[in-house]
Amino acid sequence: MTALGVDQIYIDRLSGKNTNRPELQSMLDFVRQGDTVVVESISRFARNTRDLLELVEKLSAKGVEFVSQKESIDTSTPTGKFMLTVFGAVAELEREYILQRQREGIDIAKTNGVYKGRKPIEPPGFSQVVARWRQGEITAAAAMKQLGMSKATFYRKLKQADWK
């Protein structure tokens, strides 16, 4: 990026699956007319066509060009704008395939008894704190605070303990 003469570098550590990313928002606030946004790859910028086109439209409205190095797309040309749409659709399709394969893998693992979900967490001292609460020594709120649990988790754990 330095070789390209880039003044400001923004690095997102979050997935490109949506536009709710702090670094992306900072970059959108920073850019001015005449700037060019350079990204490594479209899939790192946005994962669905709608978000990609909306982001590029926001940049365009500010007079900012968009360049993707991997796909060699430059929105300052009509061909670049067309290719942006095509590659955006391909990136979205790729993400959908990944999610579909993940769901299929989880279903197969569940069928084979390999995937059972998250193991329940038994907080240390749960039974002692609940015993104190049932004897009236502490309030439910105090018990929840000691255990570091939300109200819903506390009462759900109580139900589970009563069924055992």
N, C-alpha and C. Protein backbone atom coordinates (compact mmCIF):
# COMPACT_ATOMS: atom_id res chain seq x y z
N MET A 1 0.82 -1.20 0.00
CA MET A 1 0.00 0.00 0.00
C MET A 1 0.87 1.27 0.00
N THR A 2 1.97 1.21 0.72
CA THR A 2 2.88 2.36 0.75
C THR A 2 3.42 2.64 -0.64
N ALA A 3 3.73 1.58 -1.40
CA ALA A 3 4.24 1.74 -2.76
C ALA A 3 3.21 2.41 -3.67
N LEU A 4 1.93 2.27 -3.34
CA LEU A 4 0.87 2.88 -4.14
C LEU A 4 0.65 4.34 -3.76
N GLY A 5 1.36 4.80 -2.73
CA GLY A 5 1.20 6.18 -2.29
C GLY A 5 -0.01 6.38 -1.40
N VAL A 6 -0.40 5.34 -0.69
CA VAL A 6 -1.56 5.42 0.19
C VAL A 6 -1.22 6.26 1.41
N ASP A 7 -2.08 7.24 1.72
CA ASP A 7 -1.86 8.14 2.85
C ASP A 7 -2.32 7.52 4.17
N GLN A 8 -3.46 6.88 4.13
CA GLN A 8 -4.09 6.37 5.35
C GLN A 8 -4.45 4.91 5.13
N ILE A 9 -4.10 4.04 6.09
CA ILE A 9 -4.41 2.62 5.99
C ILE A 9 -5.39 2.24 7.09
N TYR A 10 -6.45 1.55 6.71
CA TYR A 10 -7.45 1.06 7.66
C TYR A 10 -7.44 -0.47 7.58
N ILE A 11 -7.30 -1.11 8.73
CA ILE A 11 -7.28 -2.57 8.76
C ILE A 11 -8.44 -3.05 9.61
N ASP A 12 -9.36 -3.77 8.96
CA ASP A 12 -10.49 -4.35 9.67
C ASP A 12 -10.13 -5.74 10.15
N ARG A 13 -10.37 -6.01 11.40
CA ARG A 13 -10.14 -7.35 11.94
C ARG A 13 -11.44 -8.15 11.96
N LEU A 14 -12.54 -7.49 11.63
CA LEU A 14 -13.85 -8.15 11.62
C LEU A 14 -14.18 -8.66 10.23
N SER A 15 -15.10 -9.59 10.17
CA SER A 15 -15.52 -10.17 8.90
C SER A 15 -16.19 -9.12 8.02
N GLY A 16 -16.08 -9.32 6.73
CA GLY A 16 -16.72 -8.42 5.78
C GLY A 16 -18.17 -8.77 5.54
N LYS A 17 -18.76 -9.62 6.40
CA LYS A 17 -20.13 -10.07 6.16
C LYS A 17 -21.16 -8.96 6.32
N ASN A 18 -20.82 -7.88 7.04
CA ASN A 18 -21.72 -6.75 7.11
C ASN A 18 -20.91 -5.45 7.17
N THR A 19 -21.60 -4.34 7.15
CA THR A 19 -20.90 -3.05 7.09
C THR A 19 -20.74 -2.42 8.47
N ASN A 20 -21.12 -3.11 9.51
CA ASN A 20 -20.99 -2.60 10.87
C ASN A 20 -19.60 -2.92 11.41
N ARG A 21 -18.60 -2.20 10.85
CA ARG A 21 -17.20 -2.42 11.22
C ARG A 21 -16.57 -1.06 11.51
N PRO A 22 -15.99 -0.89 12.68
CA PRO A 22 -15.45 0.43 13.07
C PRO A 22 -14.45 1.02 12.08
N GLU A 23 -13.52 0.21 11.60
CA GLU A 23 -12.50 0.73 10.68
C GLU A 23 -13.12 1.14 9.35
N LEU A 24 -14.10 0.39 8.88
CA LEU A 24 -14.79 0.74 7.64
C LEU A 24 -15.49 2.09 7.82
N GLN A 25 -16.18 2.25 8.95
CA GLN A 25 -16.88 3.51 9.20
C GLN A 25 -15.90 4.68 9.31
N SER A 26 -14.76 4.45 9.95
CA SER A 26 -13.74 5.50 10.05
C SER A 26 -13.24 5.91 8.67
N MET A 27 -13.01 4.90 7.82
CA MET A 27 -12.55 5.18 6.46
C MET A 27 -13.60 5.97 5.68
N LEU A 28 -14.87 5.57 5.80
CA LEU A 28 -15.93 6.27 5.07
C LEU A 28 -16.06 7.72 5.55
N ASP A 29 -15.82 7.95 6.84
CA ASP A 29 -15.87 9.32 7.37
C ASP A 29 -14.66 10.14 6.91
N PHE A 30 -13.52 9.49 6.74
CA PHE A 30 -12.27 10.17 6.41
C PHE A 30 -12.17 10.59 4.94
N VAL A 31 -12.63 9.75 4.02
CA VAL A 31 -12.39 10.01 2.59
C VAL A 31 -13.05 11.31 2.13
N ARG A 32 -12.34 11.94 1.14
CA ARG A 32 -12.83 13.21 0.58
C ARG A 32 -12.82 13.13 -0.94
N GLN A 33 -13.44 14.09 -1.55
CA GLN A 33 -13.50 14.14 -3.00
C GLN A 33 -12.09 14.08 -3.58
N GLY A 34 -11.94 13.24 -4.60
CA GLY A 34 -10.65 13.08 -5.25
C GLY A 34 -9.81 11.94 -4.69
N ASP A 35 -10.23 11.38 -3.54
CA ASP A 35 -9.51 10.24 -2.96
C ASP A 35 -9.82 8.96 -3.72
N THR A 36 -8.99 7.97 -3.53
CA THR A 36 -9.21 6.64 -4.09
C THR A 36 -9.07 5.63 -2.96
N VAL A 37 -10.09 4.80 -2.78
CA VAL A 37 -10.04 3.74 -1.78
C VAL A 37 -9.49 2.50 -2.47
N VAL A 38 -8.41 1.96 -1.92
CA VAL A 38 -7.77 0.78 -2.49
C VAL A 38 -7.95 -0.36 -1.49
N VAL A 39 -8.53 -1.48 -1.96
CA VAL A 39 -8.70 -2.66 -1.10
C VAL A 39 -7.93 -3.82 -1.71
N GLU A 40 -7.54 -4.75 -0.86
CA GLU A 40 -6.81 -5.93 -1.30
C GLU A 40 -7.71 -6.81 -2.15
N SER A 41 -8.97 -6.98 -1.72
CA SER A 41 -9.90 -7.86 -2.42
C SER A 41 -11.32 -7.41 -2.11
N ILE A 42 -12.21 -7.59 -3.06
CA ILE A 42 -13.62 -7.24 -2.85
C ILE A 42 -14.20 -8.00 -1.67
N SER A 43 -13.84 -9.28 -1.54
CA SER A 43 -14.41 -10.10 -0.47
C SER A 43 -13.98 -9.60 0.92
N ARG A 44 -12.88 -8.84 1.00
CA ARG A 44 -12.46 -8.27 2.28
C ARG A 44 -13.22 -6.98 2.55
N PHE A 45 -13.79 -6.37 1.51
CA PHE A 45 -14.50 -5.11 1.65
C PHE A 45 -15.98 -5.34 1.97
N ALA A 46 -16.60 -6.28 1.25
CA ALA A 46 -18.01 -6.61 1.46
C ALA A 46 -18.27 -8.02 0.95
N ARG A 47 -19.17 -8.74 1.60
CA ARG A 47 -19.44 -10.12 1.22
C ARG A 47 -20.73 -10.30 0.47
N ASN A 48 -21.55 -9.26 0.40
CA ASN A 48 -22.74 -9.42 -0.43
C ASN A 48 -22.86 -8.25 -1.39
N THR A 49 -23.47 -8.52 -2.51
CA THR A 49 -23.52 -7.55 -3.60
C THR A 49 -24.19 -6.25 -3.18
N ARG A 50 -25.28 -6.36 -2.44
CA ARG A 50 -26.02 -5.16 -2.02
C ARG A 50 -25.12 -4.25 -1.19
N ASP A 51 -24.42 -4.81 -0.17
CA ASP A 51 -23.53 -3.99 0.66
C ASP A 51 -22.40 -3.39 -0.17
N LEU A 52 -21.84 -4.20 -1.05
CA LEU A 52 -20.74 -3.73 -1.90
C LEU A 52 -21.18 -2.54 -2.74
N LEU A 53 -22.31 -2.69 -3.41
CA LEU A 53 -22.80 -1.62 -4.28
C LEU A 53 -23.18 -0.38 -3.47
N GLU A 54 -23.76 -0.57 -2.28
CA GLU A 54 -24.10 0.57 -1.43
C GLU A 54 -22.85 1.31 -0.96
N LEU A 55 -21.82 0.55 -0.57
CA LEU A 55 -20.57 1.18 -0.13
C LEU A 55 -19.91 1.96 -1.26
N VAL A 56 -19.86 1.35 -2.43
CA VAL A 56 -19.26 2.02 -3.58
C VAL A 56 -20.09 3.25 -3.97
N GLU A 57 -21.41 3.16 -3.83
CA GLU A 57 -22.28 4.31 -4.12
C GLU A 57 -22.00 5.45 -3.14
N LYS A 58 -21.80 5.12 -1.86
CA LYS A 58 -21.45 6.14 -0.86
C LYS A 58 -20.14 6.82 -1.24
N LEU A 59 -19.16 6.01 -1.64
CA LEU A 59 -17.88 6.57 -2.05
C LEU A 59 -18.04 7.46 -3.27
N SER A 60 -18.81 6.96 -4.24
CA SER A 60 -19.03 7.71 -5.49
C SER A 60 -19.72 9.04 -5.21
N ALA A 61 -20.68 9.04 -4.29
CA ALA A 61 -21.40 10.28 -3.94
C ALA A 61 -20.46 11.32 -3.35
N LYS A 62 -19.37 10.86 -2.72
CA LYS A 62 -18.38 11.77 -2.16
C LYS A 62 -17.31 12.13 -3.18
N GLY A 63 -17.40 11.58 -4.39
CA GLY A 63 -16.38 11.84 -5.40
C GLY A 63 -15.12 11.01 -5.19
N VAL A 64 -15.30 9.82 -4.61
CA VAL A 64 -14.18 8.93 -4.30
C VAL A 64 -14.23 7.72 -5.21
N GLU A 65 -13.08 7.34 -5.76
CA GLU A 65 -12.99 6.15 -6.62
C GLU A 65 -12.68 4.93 -5.76
N PHE A 66 -12.96 3.75 -6.31
CA PHE A 66 -12.75 2.49 -5.61
C PHE A 66 -11.90 1.59 -6.49
N VAL A 67 -10.83 1.01 -5.91
CA VAL A 67 -9.95 0.10 -6.64
C VAL A 67 -9.75 -1.16 -5.81
N SER A 68 -9.94 -2.31 -6.46
CA SER A 68 -9.66 -3.59 -5.82
C SER A 68 -8.45 -4.19 -6.52
N GLN A 69 -7.38 -4.42 -5.76
CA GLN A 69 -6.14 -4.91 -6.37
C GLN A 69 -6.26 -6.33 -6.90
N LYS A 70 -6.81 -7.24 -6.12
CA LYS A 70 -6.86 -8.64 -6.52
C LYS A 70 -7.64 -8.83 -7.82
N GLU A 71 -8.78 -8.17 -7.93
CA GLU A 71 -9.63 -8.33 -9.10
C GLU A 71 -9.31 -7.30 -10.19
N SER A 72 -8.37 -6.39 -9.94
CA SER A 72 -8.00 -5.33 -10.88
C SER A 72 -9.22 -4.53 -11.34
N ILE A 73 -9.99 -4.08 -10.37
CA ILE A 73 -11.20 -3.30 -10.67
C ILE A 73 -10.97 -1.86 -10.26
N ASP A 74 -11.34 -0.98 -11.18
CA ASP A 74 -11.22 0.46 -10.94
C ASP A 74 -12.56 1.07 -11.34
N THR A 75 -13.29 1.64 -10.39
CA THR A 75 -14.64 2.14 -10.68
C THR A 75 -14.64 3.47 -11.43
N SER A 76 -13.47 3.96 -11.79
CA SER A 76 -13.45 5.19 -12.58
C SER A 76 -13.78 4.90 -14.05
N THR A 77 -13.86 3.60 -14.41
CA THR A 77 -14.21 3.22 -15.79
C THR A 77 -15.54 2.46 -15.81
N PRO A 78 -16.27 2.54 -16.92
CA PRO A 78 -17.54 1.79 -17.03
C PRO A 78 -17.32 0.27 -16.88
N THR A 79 -16.23 -0.23 -17.46
CA THR A 79 -15.93 -1.67 -17.34
C THR A 79 -15.67 -2.03 -15.89
N GLY A 80 -14.97 -1.18 -15.18
CA GLY A 80 -14.70 -1.42 -13.76
C GLY A 80 -15.96 -1.49 -12.94
N LYS A 81 -16.93 -0.60 -13.25
CA LYS A 81 -18.21 -0.61 -12.53
C LYS A 81 -18.96 -1.91 -12.81
N PHE A 82 -18.94 -2.36 -14.06
CA PHE A 82 -19.60 -3.62 -14.42
C PHE A 82 -18.93 -4.79 -13.71
N MET A 83 -17.61 -4.84 -13.76
CA MET A 83 -16.88 -5.94 -13.14
C MET A 83 -17.07 -5.97 -11.63
N LEU A 84 -17.22 -4.80 -11.04
CA LEU A 84 -17.47 -4.71 -9.60
C LEU A 84 -18.74 -5.48 -9.24
N THR A 85 -19.78 -5.29 -10.02
CA THR A 85 -21.05 -5.98 -9.77
C THR A 85 -20.89 -7.49 -9.93
N VAL A 86 -20.19 -7.91 -10.98
CA VAL A 86 -19.99 -9.34 -11.23
C VAL A 86 -19.19 -9.97 -10.10
N PHE A 87 -18.05 -9.38 -9.75
CA PHE A 87 -17.22 -9.95 -8.70
C PHE A 87 -17.92 -9.89 -7.34
N GLY A 88 -18.72 -8.85 -7.11
CA GLY A 88 -19.49 -8.77 -5.87
C GLY A 88 -20.47 -9.92 -5.76
N ALA A 89 -21.13 -10.24 -6.86
CA ALA A 89 -22.08 -11.36 -6.86
C ALA A 89 -21.34 -12.68 -6.63
N VAL A 90 -20.16 -12.83 -7.21
CA VAL A 90 -19.37 -14.05 -7.02
C VAL A 90 -18.94 -14.18 -5.55
N ALA A 91 -18.52 -13.08 -4.93
CA ALA A 91 -18.11 -13.12 -3.52
C ALA A 91 -19.29 -13.51 -2.63
N GLU A 92 -20.46 -12.99 -2.94
CA GLU A 92 -21.66 -13.33 -2.18
C GLU A 92 -22.01 -14.81 -2.36
N LEU A 93 -21.92 -15.30 -3.58
CA LEU A 93 -22.20 -16.71 -3.85
C LEU A 93 -21.22 -17.60 -3.09
N GLU A 94 -19.96 -17.22 -3.08
CA GLU A 94 -18.94 -18.00 -2.37
C GLU A 94 -19.27 -18.07 -0.88
N ARG A 95 -19.68 -16.96 -0.29
CA ARG A 95 -20.04 -16.95 1.13
C ARG A 95 -21.25 -17.85 1.39
N GLU A 96 -22.25 -17.80 0.51
CA GLU A 96 -23.43 -18.65 0.67
C GLU A 96 -23.06 -20.13 0.59
N TYR A 97 -22.16 -20.48 -0.31
CA TYR A 97 -21.69 -21.87 -0.42
C TYR A 97 -20.99 -22.31 0.86
N ILE A 98 -20.16 -21.45 1.41
CA ILE A 98 -19.44 -21.77 2.65
C ILE A 98 -20.44 -22.03 3.77
N LEU A 99 -21.43 -21.16 3.92
CA LEU A 99 -22.43 -21.32 4.97
C LEU A 99 -23.25 -22.60 4.76
N GLN A 100 -23.59 -22.88 3.51
CA GLN A 100 -24.35 -24.09 3.21
C GLN A 100 -23.55 -25.34 3.58
N ARG A 101 -22.27 -25.37 3.20
CA ARG A 101 -21.43 -26.53 3.54
C ARG A 101 -21.27 -26.67 5.05
N GLN A 102 -21.17 -25.54 5.74
CA GLN A 102 -21.05 -25.58 7.19
C GLN A 102 -22.31 -26.19 7.81
N ARG A 103 -23.49 -25.74 7.36
CA ARG A 103 -24.75 -26.29 7.88
C ARG A 103 -24.86 -27.78 7.60
N GLU A 104 -24.47 -28.18 6.39
CA GLU A 104 -24.52 -29.61 6.03
C GLU A 104 -23.57 -30.42 6.91
N GLY A 105 -22.38 -29.90 7.16
CA GLY A 105 -21.42 -30.59 8.01
C GLY A 105 -21.93 -30.74 9.44
N ILE A 106 -22.56 -29.71 9.96
CA ILE A 106 -23.12 -29.77 11.32
C ILE A 106 -24.25 -30.80 11.37
N ASP A 107 -25.11 -30.82 10.35
CA ASP A 107 -26.21 -31.80 10.30
C ASP A 107 -25.67 -33.23 10.28
N ILE A 108 -24.64 -33.47 9.48
CA ILE A 108 -24.03 -34.81 9.41
C ILE A 108 -23.42 -35.18 10.76
N ALA A 109 -22.72 -34.24 11.38
CA ALA A 109 -22.09 -34.50 12.68
C ALA A 109 -23.15 -34.79 13.74
N LYS A 110 -24.28 -34.06 13.69
CA LYS A 110 -25.36 -34.31 14.65
C LYS A 110 -25.95 -35.70 14.43
N THR A 111 -26.14 -36.09 13.16
CA THR A 111 -26.67 -37.41 12.84
C THR A 111 -25.75 -38.51 13.34
N ASN A 112 -24.45 -38.30 13.24
CA ASN A 112 -23.46 -39.29 13.68
C ASN A 112 -23.18 -39.21 15.18
N GLY A 113 -23.85 -38.28 15.88
CA GLY A 113 -23.66 -38.15 17.32
C GLY A 113 -22.37 -37.48 17.72
N VAL A 114 -21.68 -36.88 16.77
CA VAL A 114 -20.40 -36.22 17.06
C VAL A 114 -20.63 -34.82 17.61
N TYR A 115 -21.59 -34.12 17.06
CA TYR A 115 -21.87 -32.73 17.43
C TYR A 115 -23.05 -32.71 18.37
N LYS A 116 -22.81 -32.29 19.59
CA LYS A 116 -23.89 -32.27 20.58
C LYS A 116 -24.16 -30.86 21.08
N GLY A 117 -23.51 -29.89 20.49
CA GLY A 117 -23.67 -28.52 20.94
C GLY A 117 -22.71 -28.18 22.06
N ARG A 118 -22.88 -27.02 22.59
CA ARG A 118 -22.00 -26.53 23.64
C ARG A 118 -22.28 -27.30 24.94
N LYS A 119 -21.23 -27.66 25.64
CA LYS A 119 -21.38 -28.34 26.91
C LYS A 119 -21.87 -27.35 27.96
N PRO A 120 -22.81 -27.77 28.81
CA PRO A 120 -23.32 -26.85 29.84
C PRO A 120 -22.20 -26.47 30.82
N ILE A 121 -22.23 -25.24 31.21
CA ILE A 121 -21.23 -24.74 32.15
C ILE A 121 -21.83 -24.81 33.56
N GLU A 122 -21.14 -25.46 34.44
CA GLU A 122 -21.58 -25.54 35.84
C GLU A 122 -20.69 -24.59 36.64
N PRO A 123 -21.24 -23.44 37.04
CA PRO A 123 -20.42 -22.48 37.76
C PRO A 123 -19.98 -23.06 39.11
N PRO A 124 -18.75 -22.79 39.51
CA PRO A 124 -18.27 -23.30 40.79
C PRO A 124 -19.10 -22.73 41.95
N GLY A 125 -19.47 -23.59 42.85
CA GLY A 125 -20.21 -23.17 44.03
C GLY A 125 -21.69 -22.93 43.79
N PHE A 126 -22.21 -23.37 42.66
CA PHE A 126 -23.61 -23.12 42.33
C PHE A 126 -24.54 -23.71 43.40
N SER A 127 -24.34 -24.97 43.73
CA SER A 127 -25.26 -25.62 44.68
C SER A 127 -25.19 -24.96 46.06
N GLN A 128 -24.00 -24.52 46.49
CA GLN A 128 -23.88 -23.86 47.79
C GLN A 128 -24.62 -22.52 47.80
N VAL A 129 -24.46 -21.75 46.72
CA VAL A 129 -25.11 -20.44 46.65
C VAL A 129 -26.63 -20.62 46.58
N VAL A 130 -27.09 -21.60 45.81
CA VAL A 130 -28.53 -21.86 45.70
C VAL A 130 -29.08 -22.30 47.06
N ALA A 131 -28.33 -23.13 47.77
CA ALA A 131 -28.77 -23.58 49.11
C ALA A 131 -28.92 -22.38 50.04
N ARG A 132 -27.97 -21.45 50.01
CA ARG A 132 -28.06 -20.24 50.84
C ARG A 132 -29.27 -19.39 50.45
N TRP A 133 -29.53 -19.31 49.13
CA TRP A 133 -30.69 -18.55 48.64
C TRP A 133 -31.99 -19.20 49.10
N ARG A 134 -32.08 -20.51 49.00
CA ARG A 134 -33.30 -21.23 49.40
C ARG A 134 -33.55 -21.14 50.90
N GLN A 135 -32.49 -21.01 51.68
CA GLN A 135 -32.63 -20.87 53.14
C GLN A 135 -32.93 -19.43 53.55
N GLY A 136 -32.93 -18.52 52.58
CA GLY A 136 -33.25 -17.12 52.85
C GLY A 136 -32.07 -16.32 53.36
N GLU A 137 -30.87 -16.86 53.29
CA GLU A 137 -29.68 -16.13 53.75
C GLU A 137 -29.30 -15.00 52.79
N ILE A 138 -29.56 -15.20 51.50
CA ILE A 138 -29.25 -14.17 50.50
C ILE A 138 -30.42 -14.04 49.55
N THR A 139 -30.49 -12.91 48.87
CA THR A 139 -31.55 -12.70 47.88
C THR A 139 -31.16 -13.36 46.56
N ALA A 140 -32.14 -13.50 45.69
CA ALA A 140 -31.87 -14.07 44.36
C ALA A 140 -30.88 -13.17 43.61
N ALA A 141 -31.05 -11.86 43.75
CA ALA A 141 -30.15 -10.92 43.07
C ALA A 141 -28.72 -11.10 43.56
N ALA A 142 -28.54 -11.31 44.86
CA ALA A 142 -27.20 -11.51 45.42
C ALA A 142 -26.62 -12.83 44.92
N ALA A 143 -27.47 -13.86 44.83
CA ALA A 143 -27.02 -15.16 44.33
C ALA A 143 -26.55 -15.03 42.88
N MET A 144 -27.34 -14.32 42.07
CA MET A 144 -26.97 -14.12 40.66
C MET A 144 -25.65 -13.36 40.55
N LYS A 145 -25.47 -12.36 41.40
CA LYS A 145 -24.25 -11.57 41.36
C LYS A 145 -23.04 -12.42 41.75
N GLN A 146 -23.19 -13.23 42.80
CA GLN A 146 -22.09 -14.10 43.24
C GLN A 146 -21.69 -15.09 42.16
N LEU A 147 -22.70 -15.59 41.44
CA LEU A 147 -22.44 -16.59 40.40
C LEU A 147 -22.07 -15.97 39.06
N GLY A 148 -22.28 -14.65 38.94
CA GLY A 148 -21.99 -13.97 37.68
C GLY A 148 -22.95 -14.38 36.57
N MET A 149 -24.23 -14.55 36.94
CA MET A 149 -25.24 -15.03 35.99
C MET A 149 -26.30 -13.97 35.77
N SER A 150 -26.90 -14.05 34.61
CA SER A 150 -28.07 -13.22 34.35
C SER A 150 -29.27 -13.87 35.03
N LYS A 151 -30.35 -13.12 35.13
CA LYS A 151 -31.57 -13.63 35.75
C LYS A 151 -32.08 -14.87 35.02
N ALA A 152 -32.11 -14.79 33.68
CA ALA A 152 -32.61 -15.91 32.88
C ALA A 152 -31.76 -17.17 33.07
N THR A 153 -30.44 -17.01 33.08
CA THR A 153 -29.54 -18.15 33.25
C THR A 153 -29.70 -18.75 34.64
N PHE A 154 -29.81 -17.91 35.64
CA PHE A 154 -29.95 -18.39 37.01
C PHE A 154 -31.19 -19.27 37.14
N TYR A 155 -32.33 -18.78 36.70
CA TYR A 155 -33.57 -19.55 36.85
C TYR A 155 -33.59 -20.78 35.94
N ARG A 156 -32.97 -20.69 34.79
CA ARG A 156 -32.88 -21.88 33.92
C ARG A 156 -32.04 -22.95 34.59
N LYS A 157 -30.92 -22.56 35.18
CA LYS A 157 -30.06 -23.51 35.89
C LYS A 157 -30.80 -24.11 37.09
N LEU A 158 -31.62 -23.31 37.77
CA LEU A 158 -32.41 -23.83 38.89
C LEU A 158 -33.36 -24.93 38.43
N LYS A 159 -34.04 -24.68 37.31
CA LYS A 159 -34.96 -25.68 36.76
C LYS A 159 -34.22 -26.96 36.42
N GLN A 160 -33.07 -26.82 35.76
CA GLN A 160 -32.27 -27.99 35.38
C GLN A 160 -31.83 -28.75 36.62
N ALA A 161 -31.44 -28.04 37.69
CA ALA A 161 -30.98 -28.69 38.92
C ALA A 161 -32.13 -29.43 39.61
N ASP A 162 -33.34 -28.86 39.55
CA ASP A 162 -34.49 -29.50 40.17
C ASP A 162 -34.91 -30.76 39.43
N TRP A 163 -34.63 -30.83 38.12
CA TRP A 163 -35.03 -32.00 37.32
C TRP A 163 -34.07 -33.17 37.51
N LYS A 164 -32.85 -32.89 37.97
CA LYS A 164 -31.84 -33.94 38.08
C LYS A 164 -32.12 -34.87 39.24
